[in-house]
Structure formats: C-alpha cells, structure tokens
C-alpha cells in the first residue's frame, strides 16, 4: 500500500486548498495511507529535513517528493501515486 504525506504550513496561503484536495481524493480513492505533516512542529521539521522538503505544499509518495507547490489537481495526485 502506498504511503502519501502532505507537508503543509499553517502560514501557507495555498496549503488549505491542497489539504482539502487531498482529503477529497483520499475519500474517493481509499487505496493508500494518508498523513498530513505540519512543518511548524518539531516532528514535522525533522520529517521534512529527512526528505529534503524545501517548500509547501509538498506531496511525498513512499518517501519520494512527487509534487511541490501549488496549484495541482486530482489528476496530478493520481499520476504521483501511480
């Protein structure tokens, strides 16, 4: 099963849209694990640094950065997960 992480920041103006899009995508396509990683927490910083996440929103699939920045679509998410 694929593991998808969305790295986000509470200060990012685009992250709420990215979070909502990924939640909707997960509801419609339940075949993967999904986690949100807040980059304003010590745990989020550590996780982001381990993967070299440099910008948000950032979609990581199985520990590989697949999408960085906004905008992206449900189709982009599908391509990243496959």
Protein backbone atom coordinates (compact mmCIF):
# COMPACT_ATOMS: atom_id res chain seq x y z
CA UNK A 1 0.00 0.00 0.00
CA UNK A 2 1.32 3.42 -0.94
CA UNK A 3 2.06 5.98 1.75
CA UNK A 4 1.19 9.57 0.85
CA UNK A 5 2.24 12.51 3.01
CA UNK A 6 1.25 16.13 2.55
CA UNK A 7 3.69 18.58 4.06
CA UNK A 8 1.96 21.84 4.91
CA UNK A 9 2.43 25.01 6.91
CA UNK A 10 -0.25 26.89 8.83
CA UNK A 11 1.27 30.10 7.40
CA UNK A 12 0.96 28.97 3.76
CA UNK A 13 -1.93 30.59 1.89
CA UNK A 14 -2.23 27.64 -0.53
CA UNK A 15 -1.94 24.75 1.91
CA UNK A 16 -5.62 24.73 2.98
CA UNK A 17 -6.64 24.15 -0.65
CA UNK A 18 -4.03 21.40 -1.03
CA UNK A 19 -5.18 19.74 2.20
CA UNK A 20 -8.81 19.81 1.10
CA UNK A 21 -7.99 18.43 -2.35
CA UNK A 22 -6.02 15.53 -0.87
CA UNK A 23 -8.75 14.75 1.69
CA UNK A 24 -11.34 14.64 -1.11
CA UNK A 25 -9.04 12.49 -3.23
CA UNK A 26 -8.48 10.07 -0.32
CA UNK A 27 -12.22 9.73 0.27
CA UNK A 28 -12.79 8.92 -3.42
CA UNK A 29 -9.71 6.65 -3.72
CA UNK A 30 -9.17 4.82 -0.42
CA UNK A 31 -6.30 2.57 -1.56
CA UNK A 32 -3.43 4.36 0.20
CA UNK A 33 -2.27 5.58 3.60
CA UNK A 34 -2.50 9.35 4.02
CA UNK A 35 -0.85 11.61 6.58
CA UNK A 36 -0.51 15.35 6.93
CA UNK A 37 2.78 16.71 8.24
CA UNK A 38 2.77 20.17 9.83
CA UNK A 39 6.12 21.80 9.15
CA UNK A 40 5.63 24.12 12.14
CA UNK A 41 6.13 21.27 14.61
CA UNK A 42 9.46 19.75 15.68
CA UNK A 43 8.34 16.37 14.32
CA UNK A 44 7.31 17.96 11.01
CA UNK A 45 10.62 19.78 10.70
CA UNK A 46 12.55 16.57 11.39
CA UNK A 47 10.48 14.58 8.89
CA UNK A 48 10.76 17.30 6.24
CA UNK A 49 14.51 17.59 6.72
CA UNK A 50 14.92 13.82 6.38
CA UNK A 51 13.30 14.02 2.92
CA UNK A 52 14.75 17.44 2.00
CA UNK A 53 11.36 19.11 1.70
CA UNK A 54 12.09 22.76 0.92
CA UNK A 55 8.64 24.17 0.09
CA UNK A 56 4.98 23.59 0.87
CA UNK A 57 2.57 22.25 -0.05
CA UNK A 58 4.58 19.15 -0.86
CA UNK A 59 3.24 15.70 -1.71
CA UNK A 60 5.52 12.80 -0.86
CA UNK A 61 4.77 9.25 -2.02
CA UNK A 62 6.68 6.40 -0.40
CA UNK A 63 9.39 8.82 0.79
CA UNK A 64 9.85 10.40 -2.66
CA UNK A 65 8.92 14.02 -3.32
CA UNK A 66 6.39 13.99 -6.16
CA UNK A 67 4.64 17.39 -6.13
CA UNK A 68 5.96 20.71 -4.82
CA UNK A 69 3.98 23.93 -4.77
CA UNK A 70 0.50 24.94 -5.75
CA UNK A 71 -1.56 24.59 -7.91
CA UNK A 72 -2.01 20.89 -8.52
CA UNK A 73 -5.06 18.83 -9.38
CA UNK A 74 -6.60 15.47 -8.53
CA UNK A 75 -5.12 14.24 -11.82
CA UNK A 76 -1.65 15.31 -10.66
CA UNK A 77 -2.18 13.39 -7.42
CA UNK A 78 -3.24 10.30 -9.36
CA UNK A 79 -0.11 10.48 -11.51
CA UNK A 80 2.09 10.94 -8.44
CA UNK A 81 0.62 7.94 -6.64
CA UNK A 82 0.82 5.61 -9.63
